[in-house]
Amino acid sequence: MNSVVVGNLHYYPVKSAMGVGAPQIQVTRDGPAHDRLWMVVDAQGDQITAREAPQLLSVQASFLPDGALQVMAEARAPLIIQAPHSMASVRLFSDPLAAEEADVEANAWLSNLLDRPARLVRRTAATARPYGKGDYGGFGDVAPLLIANAASLDALNARLNWPVTMDRFRPNIVLEGAAAFAEDGWESMTIGDVELRVIEPCVRCIMTTIDPVSGRRDLTQQPLRDLSLFRADEGGNIHFGVYAEVVRPGKVSLGDVAQINRVSKVPTYSVRLPDPPEPDQPRVLRLMRAEPAAEGARHLWWRFEDDLPTDIEPGQFISLGAPGADGGTYTRSFTISEHSEEGRLVRLSIRRQRPQAVSDYMVDKAHVGDTILATGVHGDFVLPAAQPRALFLSAGSGITPFLAFLQSIEDTCDIRHIHSEQSRGRTIGLPELTKAQDRLAGYDFSTKWTGQQGRIGQEDLADVTDLTLREIWICGPAAFVTSMEKIALGLGARPENIHTESFVAPPEAQKTGTAHLVFLDDHPPVKVDAGQPLLQGLRAGG
């Protein structure tokens, strides 16, 4: 029989913030030293966790040699927090607790990060919560210590399309060498100097669906959804890992053998099948990989999570519910520049349009593993199966449907393609376009580097052989499309032979001066300008 050993050790200086891996931890009656020593609360003193404020997962917290707490987060200056200045009465899951509050600078740092009033508090010797037969002096959810089994995570991941890491479950001790879910029967154990008594399984919540790297929720509700299929008790509580109390304090180190002293009968869980998808519901896309496409642009490969084939014609676009900079979700449409596996895998080639737009998320912040909602594949700007003699005219991001066309163009084609761009480096998919010209004898691709002011002109179209006999596809900014269509018609092109698609940047929120009062339970009315997204206005109002 393999030994059960300690594979990983973690403590969490601030509740819901990043964990700190350690080669050894000192375990007290209240759990690992420095574990959940600090907690974030709101203006009323109630706990704030990553369940409602996922930004907390991005906070790196560590202790300096003098005992001060240092907190860091992306794009924010680090802050060193010394001893708290005053006592505070707070609540953790309705339990009233005594704590010490940090200074106003720490509270301001957190309030700015979370975009809501927040305070930082530290537990004291007087902090005590009743549990089991005693008191627990920490800010953990239930008990002093959380134990997880690496084999149980492997068993869970074997069921998932997208594996998750153990940091979704935030344990203090990860044991290796045991059978999957053997922890269900553990009653007591000794690890190093420490003796532990298992008191109950850990009930899992929506927090496990938040990616600790990106801070974004998994729209498929994984891994919680699959855990619910085989790890839910009769009351619907979903279990992963076990809580323990400390019978004898001491030290635990990586590699220590965990001696399981007493076991009980392993509980049984009913296994059920997933619910069938509801018709006409948005489908979930998961980001599989990202590649550079040009300056300020990326190719993003997304897979439909339901793994169903999707009918896609080259040139069509997909409508998405994508996150904006203010935390809201906005519907935007992007051309599918390539697809494979019968439409299960789609590529979107996206350029950053302006700061804080949805494209900003797509180009700079979309993280492999992220999920977004897709509301459908649309569009009639498509190349017919019987390929005619054609002229392609594109500008800027308008190149993307033509990248899709290249996947179905045959060698016998007769196609002229003229693309307008500010510079060579900004041309999305340029290597694909030049390779297509080498591969397809009938495909003639040329570019016009226009800088900020130039454009394709009448002389460029007049130089196209048999212009009046060609089908013409035009895609780009609205002004470009209008100009090209007018020039083509002036040169004798038939209106029925011209196919256009244009795009416009989504409007930014504009304050109108007209405000609405929004009433929320247990909160004063908030004024929201009629030109603002509701969520943005509510956040601005605190």
Protein backbone atom coordinates (compact mmCIF):
# COMPACT_ATOMS: atom_id res chain seq x y z
CA MET A 1 0.00 0.00 0.00
CA ASN A 2 1.37 3.41 -0.95
CA SER A 3 2.11 5.90 1.81
CA VAL A 4 -0.08 8.94 2.05
CA VAL A 5 2.20 11.98 2.12
CA VAL A 6 1.93 15.75 2.16
CA GLY A 7 2.20 17.05 -1.41
CA ASN A 8 1.41 20.76 -0.92
CA LEU A 9 0.97 23.21 1.93
CA HIS A 10 -0.76 26.59 1.74
CA TYR A 11 -1.89 29.40 3.97
CA TYR A 12 -3.98 32.41 3.00
CA PRO A 13 -2.96 35.65 4.77
CA VAL A 14 -6.17 37.43 3.69
CA LYS A 15 -9.44 35.55 3.38
CA SER A 16 -10.26 35.08 -0.35
CA ALA A 17 -6.90 36.48 -1.50
CA MET A 18 -4.11 34.44 -3.13
CA GLY A 19 -2.60 31.61 -1.14
CA VAL A 20 1.05 31.25 -0.23
CA GLY A 21 2.78 27.92 -0.79
CA ALA A 22 5.12 26.85 2.00
CA PRO A 23 7.58 23.99 2.63
CA GLN A 24 6.44 23.86 6.25
CA ILE A 25 3.59 25.30 8.32
CA GLN A 26 3.20 25.75 12.06
CA VAL A 27 -0.23 24.49 13.03
CA THR A 28 -1.93 26.02 16.10
CA ARG A 29 -5.29 25.25 17.66
CA ASP A 30 -6.71 27.84 15.27
CA GLY A 31 -5.09 26.27 12.19
CA PRO A 32 -1.94 27.20 10.25
CA ALA A 33 -0.17 30.26 11.66
CA HIS A 34 -1.02 33.38 9.64
CA ASP A 35 -3.87 31.58 7.80
CA ARG A 36 -6.81 33.90 7.19
CA LEU A 37 -5.41 36.26 9.77
CA TRP A 38 -7.01 39.16 7.87
CA MET A 39 -10.46 39.57 6.31
CA VAL A 40 -12.19 42.17 4.16
CA VAL A 41 -15.55 43.52 5.36
CA ASP A 42 -18.01 46.08 4.04
CA ALA A 43 -19.07 49.35 5.64
CA GLN A 44 -21.50 47.48 7.93
CA GLY A 45 -18.85 44.96 9.04
CA ASP A 46 -20.11 41.95 7.05
CA GLN A 47 -17.51 39.77 5.33
CA ILE A 48 -16.66 40.33 1.66
CA THR A 49 -15.33 37.22 -0.08
CA ALA A 50 -14.46 36.27 -3.64
CA ARG A 51 -17.97 34.84 -4.00
CA GLU A 52 -19.25 38.37 -4.54
CA ALA A 53 -15.94 40.16 -5.21
CA PRO A 54 -13.74 37.97 -7.46
CA GLN A 55 -11.14 40.78 -7.62
CA LEU A 56 -9.95 39.60 -4.20
CA LEU A 57 -8.46 36.50 -5.85
CA SER A 58 -5.97 38.76 -7.63
CA VAL A 59 -4.58 40.19 -4.38
CA GLN A 60 -1.12 38.85 -3.48
CA ALA A 61 -0.72 39.02 0.28
CA SER A 62 2.44 38.19 2.21
CA PHE A 63 4.01 38.84 5.59
CA LEU A 64 7.24 40.81 5.91
CA PRO A 65 9.93 39.87 8.47
CA ASP A 66 8.60 42.47 10.93
CA GLY A 67 5.10 40.97 10.75
CA ALA A 68 3.62 43.70 8.56
CA LEU A 69 1.22 42.63 5.81
CA GLN A 70 2.04 43.55 2.21
CA VAL A 71 -0.71 43.49 -0.41
CA MET A 72 -0.25 43.80 -4.17
CA ALA A 73 -2.56 43.69 -7.20
CA GLU A 74 -2.15 44.30 -10.91
CA ALA A 75 -1.68 47.96 -11.90
CA ARG A 76 -1.69 49.08 -8.26
CA ALA A 77 1.16 50.16 -6.05
CA PRO A 78 2.01 47.69 -3.26
CA LEU A 79 0.82 48.65 0.19
CA ILE A 80 2.44 47.75 3.51
CA ILE A 81 0.02 47.51 6.42
CA GLN A 82 1.34 47.79 9.95
CA ALA A 83 -0.47 46.96 13.18
CA PRO A 84 -4.19 47.81 13.18
CA HIS A 85 -5.27 51.03 14.84
CA SER A 86 -8.69 50.36 16.36
CA MET A 87 -11.12 47.65 17.41
CA ALA A 88 -14.05 46.73 15.21
CA SER A 89 -17.13 44.58 15.50
CA VAL A 90 -17.59 42.44 12.38
CA ARG A 91 -19.67 39.49 11.23
CA LEU A 92 -18.63 36.31 9.43
CA PHE A 93 -21.66 34.35 8.19
CA SER A 94 -23.74 36.21 10.80
CA ASP A 95 -21.39 35.28 13.67
CA PRO A 96 -20.44 38.49 15.56
CA LEU A 97 -16.67 38.70 16.03
CA ALA A 98 -14.20 41.05 17.65
CA ALA A 99 -11.42 42.25 15.31
CA GLU A 100 -8.89 45.03 14.79
CA GLU A 101 -9.27 47.43 11.85
CA ALA A 102 -6.41 48.55 9.57
CA ASP A 103 -5.75 52.21 8.81
CA VAL A 104 -7.68 54.38 6.35
CA GLU A 105 -4.98 53.94 3.68
CA ALA A 106 -5.52 50.17 3.61
CA ASN A 107 -9.29 50.62 3.49
CA ALA A 108 -8.98 53.09 0.62
CA TRP A 109 -6.69 50.70 -1.32
CA LEU A 110 -9.22 47.87 -1.04
CA SER A 111 -12.23 50.10 -1.73
CA ASN A 112 -10.58 51.28 -4.93
CA LEU A 113 -9.78 47.70 -5.98
CA LEU A 114 -13.28 46.39 -5.30
CA ASP A 115 -15.10 49.54 -6.47
CA ARG A 116 -17.16 49.52 -3.27
CA PRO A 117 -16.62 50.59 0.37
CA ALA A 118 -14.37 48.03 2.06
CA ARG A 119 -12.38 47.71 5.28
CA LEU A 120 -9.53 45.39 6.27
CA VAL A 121 -9.65 43.74 9.70
CA ARG A 122 -7.36 41.37 11.61
CA ARG A 123 -8.36 38.69 14.05
CA THR A 124 -7.26 39.01 17.66
CA ALA A 125 -6.89 36.73 20.68
CA ALA A 126 -10.53 37.57 21.44
CA THR A 127 -11.78 36.42 18.02
CA ALA A 128 -13.71 33.21 18.63
CA ARG A 129 -16.37 31.34 16.65
CA PRO A 130 -18.25 28.34 18.04
CA TYR A 131 -17.85 25.09 16.13
CA GLY A 132 -18.14 21.46 17.21
CA LYS A 133 -17.31 21.25 20.89
CA GLY A 134 -15.08 24.29 21.07
CA ASP A 135 -14.20 27.68 19.67
CA TYR A 136 -12.24 28.50 16.54
CA GLY A 137 -10.29 31.75 16.49
CA GLY A 138 -9.96 32.23 12.74
CA PHE A 139 -11.65 33.70 9.69
CA GLY A 140 -12.00 30.38 7.83
CA ASP A 141 -15.47 29.38 6.71
CA VAL A 142 -16.02 26.47 9.09
CA ALA A 143 -13.00 25.01 10.86
CA PRO A 144 -9.28 25.52 11.52
CA LEU A 145 -7.95 23.44 8.63
CA LEU A 146 -9.00 22.18 5.19
CA ILE A 147 -7.54 18.98 3.72
CA ALA A 148 -7.81 17.88 0.07
CA ASN A 149 -6.81 14.70 -1.74
CA ALA A 150 -4.85 15.01 -5.01
CA ALA A 151 -6.37 11.77 -6.35
CA SER A 152 -9.87 13.19 -5.84
CA LEU A 153 -8.96 16.16 -8.04
CA ASP A 154 -7.64 13.76 -10.70
CA ALA A 155 -10.93 11.85 -10.60
CA LEU A 156 -12.89 15.08 -10.99
CA ASN A 157 -10.72 16.30 -13.86
CA ALA A 158 -11.25 13.01 -15.70
CA ARG A 159 -14.91 14.06 -16.03
CA LEU A 160 -14.31 17.66 -17.13
CA ASN A 161 -13.74 19.04 -20.62
CA TRP A 162 -11.45 21.66 -19.07
CA PRO A 163 -9.39 20.46 -16.07
CA VAL A 164 -9.10 22.68 -13.02
CA THR A 165 -6.27 23.12 -10.54
CA MET A 166 -6.35 22.58 -6.79
CA ASP A 167 -6.32 26.32 -6.09
CA ARG A 168 -10.04 26.35 -6.99
CA PHE A 169 -10.59 24.58 -3.65
CA ARG A 170 -8.14 26.56 -1.45
CA PRO A 171 -6.95 23.76 0.90
CA ASN A 172 -4.25 24.09 3.55
CA ILE A 173 -2.93 20.53 3.16
CA VAL A 174 -2.97 18.46 -0.04
CA LEU A 175 -2.31 14.75 0.49
CA GLU A 176 -0.98 12.41 -2.19
CA GLY A 177 -0.98 8.60 -2.37
CA ALA A 178 -4.53 7.93 -1.18
CA ALA A 179 -7.32 6.55 -3.33
CA ALA A 180 -9.74 9.06 -4.83
CA PHE A 181 -12.23 10.26 -2.20
CA ALA A 182 -10.71 8.05 0.51
CA GLU A 183 -10.96 11.18 2.68
CA ASP A 184 -14.70 10.55 2.97
CA GLY A 185 -13.93 7.87 5.58
CA TRP A 186 -11.09 9.50 7.49
CA GLU A 187 -11.80 10.28 11.14
CA SER A 188 -8.38 11.12 12.57
CA MET A 189 -4.77 11.32 11.41
CA THR A 190 -1.28 12.28 12.46
CA ILE A 191 0.98 14.33 10.18
CA GLY A 192 4.40 15.26 11.48
CA ASP A 193 3.89 16.54 15.02
CA VAL A 194 0.24 17.35 14.40
CA GLU A 195 -2.79 15.28 15.32
CA LEU A 196 -6.03 16.13 13.52
CA ARG A 197 -9.65 15.07 13.85
CA VAL A 198 -11.83 15.25 10.74
CA ILE A 199 -15.12 16.92 11.63
CA GLU A 200 -17.11 17.18 8.38
CA PRO A 201 -16.88 17.31 4.58
CA CYS A 202 -16.36 20.68 2.94
CA VAL A 203 -19.50 21.95 1.23
CA ARG A 204 -18.60 23.64 -2.04
CA CYS A 205 -20.12 26.80 -3.48
CA ILE A 206 -20.04 29.07 -6.53
CA MET A 207 -16.52 30.23 -5.62
CA THR A 208 -15.08 27.07 -7.18
CA THR A 209 -16.34 28.27 -10.57
CA ILE A 210 -14.09 31.38 -10.48
CA ASP A 211 -10.75 31.11 -12.25
CA PRO A 212 -8.23 32.31 -9.64
CA VAL A 213 -5.91 33.60 -12.39
CA SER A 214 -8.39 35.68 -14.39
CA GLY A 215 -11.01 36.23 -11.66
CA ARG A 216 -13.80 35.35 -14.14
CA ARG A 217 -16.58 32.88 -13.54
CA ASP A 218 -16.92 29.76 -15.66
CA LEU A 219 -20.26 30.14 -17.44
CA THR A 220 -20.68 26.35 -17.54
CA GLN A 221 -20.64 26.41 -13.69
CA GLN A 222 -17.73 23.96 -13.73
CA PRO A 223 -16.37 22.21 -11.78
CA LEU A 224 -19.36 22.62 -9.44
CA ARG A 225 -21.81 21.34 -12.06
CA ASP A 226 -20.06 17.99 -12.53
CA LEU A 227 -19.32 17.65 -8.82
CA SER A 228 -23.05 17.91 -8.21
CA LEU A 229 -23.62 14.83 -10.38
CA PHE A 230 -21.68 12.46 -8.11
CA ARG A 231 -20.74 14.31 -4.90
CA ALA A 232 -24.05 15.75 -3.65
CA ASP A 233 -25.74 14.48 -0.49
CA GLU A 234 -29.48 14.11 -0.01
CA GLY A 235 -29.75 17.77 0.95
CA GLY A 236 -28.02 18.91 -2.25
CA ASN A 237 -24.75 19.86 -0.50
CA ILE A 238 -21.77 19.28 -2.82
CA HIS A 239 -18.65 17.91 -1.11
CA PHE A 240 -14.95 18.10 -1.93
CA GLY A 241 -12.25 17.88 0.76
CA VAL A 242 -12.68 17.65 4.53
CA TYR A 243 -12.45 20.03 7.47
CA ALA A 244 -10.36 19.12 10.50
CA GLU A 245 -9.80 20.42 14.00
CA VAL A 246 -6.41 20.42 15.71
CA VAL A 247 -6.08 17.93 18.56
CA ARG A 248 -2.33 18.41 18.99
CA PRO A 249 -0.51 21.43 17.48
CA GLY A 250 2.90 21.20 15.85
CA LYS A 251 4.66 21.39 12.49
CA VAL A 252 3.74 19.86 9.14
CA SER A 253 6.29 19.69 6.30
CA LEU A 254 6.21 18.69 2.65
CA GLY A 255 6.80 14.95 2.33
CA ASP A 256 5.56 14.13 5.83
CA VAL A 257 3.68 10.83 6.02
CA ALA A 258 0.03 11.16 6.96
CA GLN A 259 -0.86 8.30 9.27
CA ILE A 260 -4.60 7.65 9.07
CA ASN A 261 -5.42 6.54 12.61
CA ARG A 262 -9.12 5.87 12.37
CA VAL A 263 -11.57 5.42 9.50
CA SER A 264 -15.31 5.02 9.30
CA LYS A 265 -17.67 3.71 6.67
CA VAL A 266 -17.37 5.76 3.50
CA PRO A 267 -20.69 7.47 2.70
CA THR A 268 -22.31 6.73 -0.63
CA TYR A 269 -23.42 9.42 -3.06
CA SER A 270 -26.08 8.94 -5.70
CA VAL A 271 -24.92 9.46 -9.28
CA ARG A 272 -27.15 11.27 -11.75
CA LEU A 273 -26.98 12.31 -15.38
CA PRO A 274 -26.67 15.98 -16.37
CA ASP A 275 -29.84 17.82 -17.26
CA PRO A 276 -30.43 18.12 -21.02
CA PRO A 277 -29.72 21.61 -22.44
CA GLU A 278 -32.71 23.87 -22.76
CA PRO A 279 -33.64 24.77 -26.35
CA ASP A 280 -32.75 28.20 -27.73
CA GLN A 281 -30.37 28.93 -24.86
CA PRO A 282 -27.06 30.72 -25.49
CA ARG A 283 -24.16 28.35 -25.99
CA VAL A 284 -20.92 28.56 -24.06
CA LEU A 285 -17.58 29.09 -25.79
CA ARG A 286 -14.29 28.33 -24.03
CA LEU A 287 -11.02 29.96 -25.08
CA MET A 288 -8.57 27.22 -26.09
CA ARG A 289 -5.60 29.25 -27.34
CA ALA A 290 -4.57 32.74 -28.39
CA GLU A 291 -2.02 33.81 -31.03
CA PRO A 292 -0.70 37.15 -32.30
CA ALA A 293 -2.55 38.28 -35.43
CA ALA A 294 -0.98 41.71 -36.03
CA GLU A 295 -0.05 44.82 -34.06
CA GLY A 296 -2.79 45.24 -31.45
CA ALA A 297 -4.69 42.15 -32.64
CA ARG A 298 -5.05 38.50 -31.67
CA HIS A 299 -6.37 35.28 -33.15
CA LEU A 300 -8.59 33.70 -30.46
CA TRP A 301 -9.62 30.05 -30.82
CA TRP A 302 -12.88 29.21 -29.03
CA ARG A 303 -14.57 25.82 -28.65
CA PHE A 304 -18.29 25.24 -28.16
CA GLU A 305 -18.50 23.63 -24.73
CA ASP A 306 -21.43 21.40 -25.73
CA ASP A 307 -19.16 19.88 -28.44
CA LEU A 308 -21.98 19.95 -31.00
CA PRO A 309 -21.26 20.59 -34.70
CA THR A 310 -22.25 24.05 -35.93
CA ASP A 311 -23.19 25.05 -39.46
CA ILE A 312 -20.93 27.94 -40.42
CA GLU A 313 -20.51 29.47 -43.86
CA PRO A 314 -17.24 31.30 -44.57
CA GLY A 315 -17.74 35.00 -43.87
CA GLN A 316 -20.41 34.69 -41.19
CA PHE A 317 -20.09 36.28 -37.77
CA ILE A 318 -20.93 35.18 -34.24
CA SER A 319 -22.69 37.26 -31.60
CA LEU A 320 -21.18 37.08 -28.14
CA GLY A 321 -21.93 38.22 -24.63
CA ALA A 322 -18.46 39.50 -23.77
CA PRO A 323 -17.28 41.27 -20.60
CA GLY A 324 -16.64 45.00 -20.65
CA ALA A 325 -14.20 47.00 -18.55
CA ASP A 326 -16.93 48.04 -16.09
CA GLY A 327 -17.82 44.43 -15.28
CA GLY A 328 -20.97 44.42 -17.42
CA THR A 329 -21.68 42.04 -20.29
CA TYR A 330 -22.13 43.47 -23.79
CA THR A 331 -23.34 41.84 -26.99
CA ARG A 332 -20.80 42.23 -29.75
CA SER A 333 -20.38 40.46 -33.10
CA PHE A 334 -17.11 39.25 -34.59
CA THR A 335 -16.42 37.55 -37.90
CA ILE A 336 -15.39 33.90 -37.72
CA SER A 337 -12.10 34.07 -39.61
CA GLU A 338 -11.62 30.29 -39.59
CA HIS A 339 -13.41 27.22 -38.24
CA SER A 340 -12.71 23.52 -38.01
CA GLU A 341 -13.98 20.26 -36.52
CA GLU A 342 -17.41 20.74 -38.12
CA GLY A 343 -17.79 24.14 -36.52
CA ARG A 344 -16.96 23.02 -32.99
CA LEU A 345 -13.82 25.19 -33.01
CA VAL A 346 -13.97 28.80 -34.25
CA ARG A 347 -11.33 31.48 -34.62
CA LEU A 348 -12.03 35.17 -34.04
CA SER A 349 -9.42 37.65 -35.26
CA ILE A 350 -9.88 40.83 -33.23
CA ARG A 351 -8.16 44.19 -33.10
CA ARG A 352 -8.21 46.53 -30.13
CA GLN A 353 -10.52 49.40 -31.07
CA ARG A 354 -10.24 51.73 -28.10
CA PRO A 355 -9.41 51.49 -24.41
CA GLN A 356 -11.96 49.78 -22.17
CA ALA A 357 -14.05 48.40 -25.04
CA VAL A 358 -14.97 44.72 -25.40
CA SER A 359 -12.16 44.40 -27.93
CA ASP A 360 -9.78 45.53 -25.20
CA TYR A 361 -10.80 42.48 -23.16
CA MET A 362 -10.45 40.20 -26.19
CA VAL A 363 -6.99 41.45 -27.17
CA ASP A 364 -5.41 42.11 -23.78
CA LYS A 365 -7.28 40.25 -21.07
CA ALA A 366 -8.95 37.11 -22.45
CA HIS A 367 -7.29 34.19 -20.69
CA VAL A 368 -7.09 30.60 -21.94
CA GLY A 369 -9.93 28.77 -20.19
CA ASP A 370 -12.27 31.80 -20.11
CA THR A 371 -15.89 31.23 -21.07
CA ILE A 372 -18.30 33.54 -22.89
CA LEU A 373 -21.85 33.14 -24.20
CA ALA A 374 -22.57 32.82 -27.91
CA THR A 375 -26.05 33.79 -29.07
CA GLY A 376 -25.81 32.57 -32.65
CA VAL A 377 -24.01 32.49 -35.99
CA HIS A 378 -25.37 34.99 -38.49
CA GLY A 379 -24.69 36.85 -41.70
CA ASP A 380 -25.18 36.58 -45.46
CA PHE A 381 -21.81 38.08 -46.47
CA VAL A 382 -20.68 34.67 -47.69
CA LEU A 383 -18.90 33.28 -50.72
CA PRO A 384 -21.11 30.91 -52.75
CA ALA A 385 -20.01 27.34 -53.37
CA ALA A 386 -19.85 28.01 -57.13
CA GLN A 387 -17.09 30.60 -56.99
CA PRO A 388 -17.47 33.41 -59.54
CA ARG A 389 -14.83 35.77 -60.82
CA ALA A 390 -14.51 38.16 -57.93
CA LEU A 391 -13.00 41.33 -56.54
CA PHE A 392 -12.37 41.54 -52.80
CA LEU A 393 -11.97 45.01 -51.24
CA SER A 394 -11.10 45.24 -47.56
CA ALA A 395 -9.82 47.77 -45.05
CA GLY A 396 -8.61 47.34 -41.47
CA SER A 397 -10.48 44.63 -39.57
CA GLY A 398 -12.61 44.14 -42.67
CA ILE A 399 -10.00 41.61 -43.74
CA THR A 400 -11.46 38.94 -41.43
CA PRO A 401 -14.27 37.54 -43.62
CA PHE A 402 -11.79 37.22 -46.48
CA LEU A 403 -9.54 35.12 -44.24
CA ALA A 404 -12.54 32.83 -43.89
CA PHE A 405 -13.11 32.84 -47.66
CA LEU A 406 -9.56 31.58 -48.17
CA GLN A 407 -10.47 28.31 -46.47
CA SER A 408 -12.85 27.39 -49.30
CA ILE A 409 -11.31 29.06 -52.37
CA GLU A 410 -10.22 26.63 -55.08
CA ASP A 411 -7.11 26.81 -57.20
CA THR A 412 -9.18 27.50 -60.33
CA CYS A 413 -10.46 30.81 -58.91
CA ASP A 414 -10.08 34.20 -60.57
CA ILE A 415 -9.96 36.65 -57.67
CA ARG A 416 -8.36 40.07 -57.23
CA HIS A 417 -8.03 41.17 -53.59
CA ILE A 418 -7.01 44.73 -52.65
CA HIS A 419 -6.53 45.50 -48.98
CA SER A 420 -6.09 48.91 -47.39
CA GLU A 421 -4.23 49.26 -44.08
CA GLN A 422 -2.25 51.93 -42.25
CA SER A 423 0.90 49.80 -42.20
CA ARG A 424 2.12 46.31 -42.96
CA GLY A 425 2.42 45.39 -39.28
CA ARG A 426 -1.25 46.15 -38.64
CA THR A 427 -2.56 43.78 -41.32
CA ILE A 428 -4.44 40.95 -39.59
CA GLY A 429 -3.51 37.53 -40.96
CA LEU A 430 -0.92 38.83 -43.45
CA PRO A 431 1.09 35.54 -43.49
CA GLU A 432 -2.07 33.61 -44.41
CA LEU A 433 -2.86 36.01 -47.23
CA THR A 434 0.59 35.84 -48.75
CA LYS A 435 0.67 32.04 -48.45
CA ALA A 436 -2.71 31.85 -50.18
CA GLN A 437 -1.32 33.85 -53.07
CA ASP A 438 1.53 31.33 -53.39
CA ARG A 439 -0.86 28.38 -53.10
CA LEU A 440 -3.67 29.57 -55.38
CA ALA A 441 -2.70 30.45 -58.93
CA GLY A 442 -5.90 32.43 -59.47
CA TYR A 443 -5.72 34.51 -56.28
CA ASP A 444 -4.00 37.91 -56.65
CA PHE A 445 -3.52 39.74 -53.36
CA SER A 446 -2.19 43.30 -53.20
CA THR A 447 -1.99 45.84 -50.42
CA LYS A 448 -2.03 49.57 -50.08
CA TRP A 449 -0.33 51.03 -47.01
CA THR A 450 -2.32 54.19 -46.52
CA GLY A 451 -1.06 55.67 -43.23
CA GLN A 452 -3.63 57.76 -41.40
CA GLN A 453 -5.14 59.56 -44.41
CA GLY A 454 -4.74 57.48 -47.57
CA ARG A 455 -7.24 55.04 -49.07
CA ILE A 456 -7.96 52.86 -52.07
CA GLY A 457 -8.97 55.16 -54.92
CA GLN A 458 -10.68 55.05 -58.29
CA GLU A 459 -7.38 54.40 -60.07
CA ASP A 460 -6.96 51.15 -58.11
CA LEU A 461 -10.34 49.78 -59.14
CA ALA A 462 -9.99 51.01 -62.74
CA ASP A 463 -6.89 48.82 -62.99
CA VAL A 464 -8.90 45.63 -62.26
CA THR A 465 -9.43 43.54 -65.39
CA ASP A 466 -13.09 42.84 -66.27
CA LEU A 467 -14.36 44.79 -63.27
CA THR A 468 -17.90 44.94 -64.66
CA LEU A 469 -18.05 41.13 -64.94
CA ARG A 470 -16.90 40.41 -61.40
CA GLU A 471 -18.82 39.83 -58.20
CA ILE A 472 -17.54 42.42 -55.72
CA TRP A 473 -17.29 41.89 -51.96
CA ILE A 474 -16.51 44.95 -49.82
CA CYS A 475 -15.87 44.93 -46.06
CA GLY A 476 -14.46 47.55 -43.70
CA PRO A 477 -15.48 50.73 -41.90
CA ALA A 478 -18.79 52.19 -43.05
CA ALA A 479 -17.17 55.16 -44.83
CA PHE A 480 -14.82 52.85 -46.72
CA VAL A 481 -17.65 50.58 -47.84
CA THR A 482 -19.73 53.52 -49.06
CA SER A 483 -16.76 54.98 -50.97
CA MET A 484 -15.82 51.69 -52.64
CA GLU A 485 -19.39 50.94 -53.65
CA LYS A 486 -19.77 54.41 -55.20
CA ILE A 487 -16.50 54.06 -57.16
CA ALA A 488 -17.39 50.55 -58.38
CA LEU A 489 -20.82 51.69 -59.59
CA GLY A 490 -19.21 54.66 -61.34
CA LEU A 491 -16.92 52.29 -63.20
CA GLY A 492 -19.86 50.24 -64.48
CA ALA A 493 -20.22 47.50 -61.88
CA ARG A 494 -23.74 46.09 -61.59
CA PRO A 495 -25.52 46.86 -58.30
CA GLU A 496 -26.68 43.25 -57.96
CA ASN A 497 -23.05 42.11 -58.13
CA ILE A 498 -21.93 44.20 -55.14
CA HIS A 499 -22.01 42.62 -51.65
CA THR A 500 -21.14 44.75 -48.64
CA GLU A 501 -20.59 44.44 -44.93
CA SER A 502 -19.49 47.31 -42.71
CA PHE A 503 -18.76 47.67 -39.05
CA VAL A 504 -18.93 50.56 -36.62
CA ALA A 505 -17.36 51.02 -33.21
CA PRO A 506 -20.01 50.66 -30.46
CA PRO A 507 -20.95 54.00 -28.94
CA GLU A 508 -19.51 54.92 -25.57
CA ALA A 509 -21.86 55.73 -22.74
CA GLN A 510 -22.77 59.43 -22.86
CA LYS A 511 -24.20 61.30 -19.91
CA THR A 512 -27.51 62.85 -20.88
CA GLY A 513 -28.17 64.93 -17.79
CA THR A 514 -31.39 62.98 -17.21
CA ALA A 515 -31.17 60.68 -14.19
CA HIS A 516 -33.35 57.84 -12.95
CA LEU A 517 -33.66 56.77 -9.33
CA VAL A 518 -32.97 53.05 -8.90
CA PHE A 519 -34.34 51.46 -5.71
CA LEU A 520 -32.58 48.45 -4.20
CA ASP A 521 -33.40 46.42 -1.11
CA ASP A 522 -31.54 47.62 2.00
CA HIS A 523 -29.77 50.40 0.09
CA PRO A 524 -30.51 54.09 -0.41
CA PRO A 525 -31.82 55.05 -3.90
CA VAL A 526 -29.08 55.49 -6.50
CA LYS A 527 -29.17 58.07 -9.30
CA VAL A 528 -28.18 56.58 -12.67
CA ASP A 529 -27.82 58.76 -15.77
CA ALA A 530 -30.06 57.64 -18.63
CA GLY A 531 -27.03 57.32 -20.91
CA GLN A 532 -25.09 54.99 -18.60
CA PRO A 533 -25.26 51.19 -18.46
CA LEU A 534 -27.22 50.32 -15.31
CA LEU A 535 -24.44 48.27 -13.69
CA GLN A 536 -21.89 51.02 -14.31
CA GLY A 537 -24.19 53.61 -12.76
CA LEU A 538 -24.93 51.47 -9.71
CA ARG A 539 -21.24 50.89 -9.09
CA ALA A 540 -20.51 54.57 -9.43
CA GLY A 541 -23.16 55.14 -6.77
CA GLY A 542 -21.42 52.79 -4.33
